[in-house]
N, C-alpha and C. Protein backbone atom coordinates (compact mmCIF):
# COMPACT_ATOMS: atom_id res chain seq x y z
N UNK A 1 -40.61 38.12 52.13
CA UNK A 1 -41.00 39.48 52.83
C UNK A 1 -40.83 39.04 54.52
N UNK A 2 -39.70 39.80 54.80
CA UNK A 2 -39.28 39.91 56.27
C UNK A 2 -40.39 40.48 56.91
N UNK A 3 -40.72 41.73 56.98
CA UNK A 3 -41.74 42.09 57.66
C UNK A 3 -43.10 41.92 56.92
N UNK A 4 -44.11 41.47 58.03
CA UNK A 4 -45.57 41.17 57.64
C UNK A 4 -46.30 42.30 57.93
N UNK A 5 -46.54 42.40 59.26
CA UNK A 5 -47.09 44.07 59.94
C UNK A 5 -46.72 44.31 61.18
N UNK A 6 -47.29 45.38 61.13
CA UNK A 6 -46.97 46.35 62.71
C UNK A 6 -47.96 45.78 63.58
N UNK A 7 -47.76 45.33 64.73
CA UNK A 7 -48.72 44.67 65.84
C UNK A 7 -48.99 46.07 66.67
N UNK A 8 -50.63 46.25 66.83
CA UNK A 8 -51.36 47.51 67.26
C UNK A 8 -51.96 46.49 68.45
N UNK A 9 -51.32 47.03 69.91
CA UNK A 9 -52.15 46.14 71.07
C UNK A 9 -51.99 47.24 72.01
N UNK A 10 -52.45 46.83 73.14
CA UNK A 10 -52.06 48.15 74.03
C UNK A 10 -50.76 48.06 74.56
N UNK A 11 -50.00 46.58 74.75
CA UNK A 11 -48.72 46.83 75.15
C UNK A 11 -47.75 47.22 74.03
N UNK A 12 -47.83 47.38 72.57
CA UNK A 12 -47.26 48.08 72.00
C UNK A 12 -47.43 49.25 71.78
N UNK A 13 -48.67 50.19 71.95
CA UNK A 13 -48.92 51.26 71.88
C UNK A 13 -48.14 52.19 73.39
N UNK A 14 -48.45 51.33 74.46
CA UNK A 14 -47.20 51.58 75.32
C UNK A 14 -45.93 51.98 75.27
N UNK A 15 -45.43 50.76 74.66
CA UNK A 15 -43.74 50.61 74.17
C UNK A 15 -43.58 52.03 73.38
N UNK A 16 -44.38 52.12 72.78
CA UNK A 16 -44.19 53.04 71.42
C UNK A 16 -43.99 54.45 72.28
N UNK A 17 -44.89 54.75 73.26
CA UNK A 17 -44.99 56.06 73.65
C UNK A 17 -43.85 55.87 74.97
N UNK A 18 -43.73 55.10 75.43
CA UNK A 18 -42.55 55.31 76.82
C UNK A 18 -40.89 54.98 76.19
N UNK A 19 -41.30 53.86 75.39
CA UNK A 19 -39.34 53.65 74.95
C UNK A 19 -39.05 53.81 73.59
N UNK A 20 -40.35 54.59 72.63
CA UNK A 20 -39.63 54.64 71.18
C UNK A 20 -39.48 53.61 70.57
N UNK A 21 -40.33 52.41 70.79
CA UNK A 21 -40.18 51.21 70.45
C UNK A 21 -41.73 50.55 69.48
N UNK A 22 -41.45 50.28 68.30
CA UNK A 22 -42.40 49.38 67.62
C UNK A 22 -42.40 48.07 67.30
N UNK A 23 -43.44 47.59 67.28
CA UNK A 23 -43.17 45.96 67.89
C UNK A 23 -44.06 45.65 66.04
N UNK A 24 -43.42 44.33 65.49
CA UNK A 24 -43.89 44.21 63.95
C UNK A 24 -43.71 42.37 64.18
N UNK A 25 -44.62 42.05 63.14
CA UNK A 25 -44.50 40.06 63.47
C UNK A 25 -44.26 40.29 62.08
N UNK A 26 -43.00 39.61 62.32
CA UNK A 26 -41.79 39.21 60.90
C UNK A 26 -42.02 37.51 60.44
N UNK A 27 -40.87 37.38 59.49
CA UNK A 27 -40.93 36.18 59.10
C UNK A 27 -39.99 35.49 60.01
N UNK A 28 -40.49 33.80 60.29
CA UNK A 28 -40.04 33.33 61.36
C UNK A 28 -38.50 32.73 61.33
N UNK A 29 -38.36 32.82 59.85
CA UNK A 29 -37.00 32.69 59.72
C UNK A 29 -35.88 33.78 59.61
N UNK A 30 -36.08 35.04 59.49
CA UNK A 30 -35.27 36.16 59.49
C UNK A 30 -34.96 35.99 60.98
N UNK A 31 -33.32 37.09 60.92
CA UNK A 31 -32.69 37.33 62.09
C UNK A 31 -32.45 38.60 62.56
N UNK A 32 -32.47 39.22 63.28
CA UNK A 32 -32.18 40.37 63.85
C UNK A 32 -31.57 41.42 62.74
N UNK A 33 -30.40 41.17 62.26
CA UNK A 33 -29.79 42.00 61.29
C UNK A 33 -30.63 42.31 60.10
N UNK A 34 -31.24 41.14 59.90
CA UNK A 34 -32.00 41.05 58.85
C UNK A 34 -33.16 42.04 58.38
N UNK A 35 -33.75 41.96 59.84
CA UNK A 35 -35.30 42.77 60.31
C UNK A 35 -34.42 44.18 60.32
N UNK A 36 -33.47 44.66 60.89
CA UNK A 36 -32.88 46.18 61.20
C UNK A 36 -32.72 46.54 59.62
N UNK A 37 -32.05 45.90 58.78
CA UNK A 37 -31.66 46.36 57.07
C UNK A 37 -33.24 46.58 56.79
N UNK A 38 -34.48 45.37 56.89
CA UNK A 38 -35.37 45.89 55.83
C UNK A 38 -36.03 47.02 56.61
N UNK A 39 -36.23 47.00 57.80
CA UNK A 39 -37.03 48.33 58.72
C UNK A 39 -36.45 49.73 57.94
N UNK A 40 -35.00 49.79 58.21
CA UNK A 40 -34.13 50.91 57.59
C UNK A 40 -34.63 51.24 56.38
N UNK A 41 -34.46 50.23 55.42
CA UNK A 41 -34.69 50.09 53.78
C UNK A 41 -36.26 50.78 53.61
N UNK A 42 -37.26 49.96 53.92
CA UNK A 42 -38.52 49.82 53.78
C UNK A 42 -38.69 51.43 54.35
N UNK A 43 -38.55 51.99 55.68
CA UNK A 43 -39.34 52.86 56.45
C UNK A 43 -38.44 54.29 56.61
N UNK A 44 -37.39 54.05 56.08
CA UNK A 44 -36.40 55.04 55.77
C UNK A 44 -36.38 55.59 57.08
N UNK A 45 -35.86 55.28 58.03
CA UNK A 45 -35.44 55.19 59.71
C UNK A 45 -34.06 54.59 60.06
N UNK A 46 -33.68 55.11 61.01
CA UNK A 46 -32.66 54.76 61.91
C UNK A 46 -33.01 53.73 63.30
N UNK A 47 -32.33 52.57 63.04
CA UNK A 47 -32.80 51.48 64.25
C UNK A 47 -31.51 51.54 65.19
N UNK A 48 -32.04 51.41 66.27
CA UNK A 48 -31.04 51.27 67.31
C UNK A 48 -30.69 49.83 67.84
N UNK A 49 -31.75 49.09 68.21
CA UNK A 49 -31.40 48.04 68.40
C UNK A 49 -33.08 46.79 67.80
N UNK A 50 -32.89 45.45 67.74
CA UNK A 50 -33.81 44.78 67.58
C UNK A 50 -33.69 43.64 68.59
N UNK A 51 -34.90 43.36 69.19
CA UNK A 51 -35.18 42.22 69.74
C UNK A 51 -35.93 41.16 69.03
N UNK A 52 -35.93 39.90 69.10
CA UNK A 52 -37.09 39.20 69.00
C UNK A 52 -37.64 38.27 69.93
N UNK A 53 -38.78 37.64 69.73
CA UNK A 53 -39.23 36.91 70.72
C UNK A 53 -40.37 35.80 69.67
N UNK A 54 -40.63 34.86 70.01
CA UNK A 54 -41.53 33.97 69.30
C UNK A 54 -42.76 33.75 70.31
N UNK A 55 -43.98 33.96 69.62
CA UNK A 55 -45.02 33.86 71.04
C UNK A 55 -45.74 32.86 70.51
N UNK A 56 -46.89 32.47 71.40
CA UNK A 56 -47.47 31.01 71.59
C UNK A 56 -48.30 30.68 69.80
N UNK A 57 -48.63 31.90 69.73
CA UNK A 57 -49.19 31.62 68.43
C UNK A 57 -48.06 31.13 67.22
N UNK A 58 -46.85 30.97 67.37
CA UNK A 58 -45.84 30.58 66.81
C UNK A 58 -45.79 31.92 65.71
N UNK A 59 -45.85 33.08 65.95
CA UNK A 59 -45.55 34.19 65.27
C UNK A 59 -44.49 34.64 65.64
N UNK A 60 -43.19 35.16 64.98
CA UNK A 60 -42.28 36.05 65.75
C UNK A 60 -42.37 37.64 65.31
N UNK A 61 -42.21 37.85 66.87
CA UNK A 61 -42.51 39.76 67.05
C UNK A 61 -40.99 39.91 67.36
N UNK A 62 -40.85 41.23 66.44
CA UNK A 62 -39.73 42.02 66.46
C UNK A 62 -39.84 43.34 67.26
N UNK A 63 -39.36 43.55 68.56
CA UNK A 63 -39.49 45.00 69.17
C UNK A 63 -38.32 45.68 68.51
N UNK A 64 -38.77 46.91 67.54
CA UNK A 64 -37.57 47.56 66.90
C UNK A 64 -37.83 48.97 67.71
N UNK A 65 -36.26 49.26 68.17
CA UNK A 65 -36.18 50.77 69.22
C UNK A 65 -35.33 51.38 68.09
N UNK A 66 -36.05 52.54 67.62
CA UNK A 66 -35.70 53.42 67.15
C UNK A 66 -34.67 54.82 68.02
N UNK A 67 -34.15 55.20 66.95
CA UNK A 67 -33.01 56.16 67.31
C UNK A 67 -33.92 57.62 67.90
N UNK A 68 -33.47 58.43 68.83
CA UNK A 68 -34.16 59.51 69.06
C UNK A 68 -34.45 60.82 67.95
N UNK A 69 -33.61 60.43 67.16
CA UNK A 69 -34.42 61.74 65.80
C UNK A 69 -35.46 60.88 64.88
N UNK A 70 -35.99 59.91 65.21
CA UNK A 70 -36.81 58.98 64.86
C UNK A 70 -38.25 58.29 65.67
N UNK A 71 -38.85 59.68 66.32
CA UNK A 71 -40.00 58.91 66.78
C UNK A 71 -41.07 58.11 66.44
N UNK A 72 -40.88 57.05 67.16
CA UNK A 72 -41.99 56.08 66.95
C UNK A 72 -43.26 56.09 66.64
N UNK A 73 -43.81 57.07 67.43
CA UNK A 73 -45.35 57.90 66.93
C UNK A 73 -45.49 58.34 65.52
N UNK A 74 -44.58 58.82 65.01
CA UNK A 74 -44.63 59.61 63.90
C UNK A 74 -44.87 58.08 63.01
N UNK A 75 -44.13 57.21 62.59
CA UNK A 75 -43.75 56.06 61.84
C UNK A 75 -45.19 55.66 62.25
N UNK A 76 -45.79 55.48 63.40
CA UNK A 76 -46.93 54.59 63.43
C UNK A 76 -47.88 55.47 63.03
N UNK A 77 -48.04 56.80 62.87
CA UNK A 77 -49.15 57.61 62.37
C UNK A 77 -49.30 57.22 61.02
N UNK A 78 -47.89 57.38 60.28
CA UNK A 78 -47.68 56.88 58.58
C UNK A 78 -48.21 55.30 58.51
N UNK A 79 -48.15 54.83 59.53
CA UNK A 79 -48.73 53.34 59.14
C UNK A 79 -49.93 53.07 59.44
N UNK A 80 -50.55 53.95 59.80
CA UNK A 80 -52.05 53.96 60.36
C UNK A 80 -52.25 53.43 61.84
N UNK A 81 -51.24 53.28 62.65
CA UNK A 81 -51.70 52.02 63.76
C UNK A 81 -52.29 53.64 64.63
N UNK A 82 -51.60 54.76 64.63
CA UNK A 82 -52.44 55.48 65.49
C UNK A 82 -53.33 56.50 64.83
């Protein structure tokens, strides 16, 4: 499974409100196109861009920017983050 869970921190909430971005913890071996495809198929949304980073806890974070017609807050509400 590529997507493990959405991350709900103060920074991720701020990014969601200002930049229409959600942060997910993903499989460390996954790449950006795989992450984009998995999120688009699983949640039925349009993804504009995916940025990734590996944090000090050796988890891979995916910063997923959604298109304007897909507000990140709506998806976060569905996921139970908000």
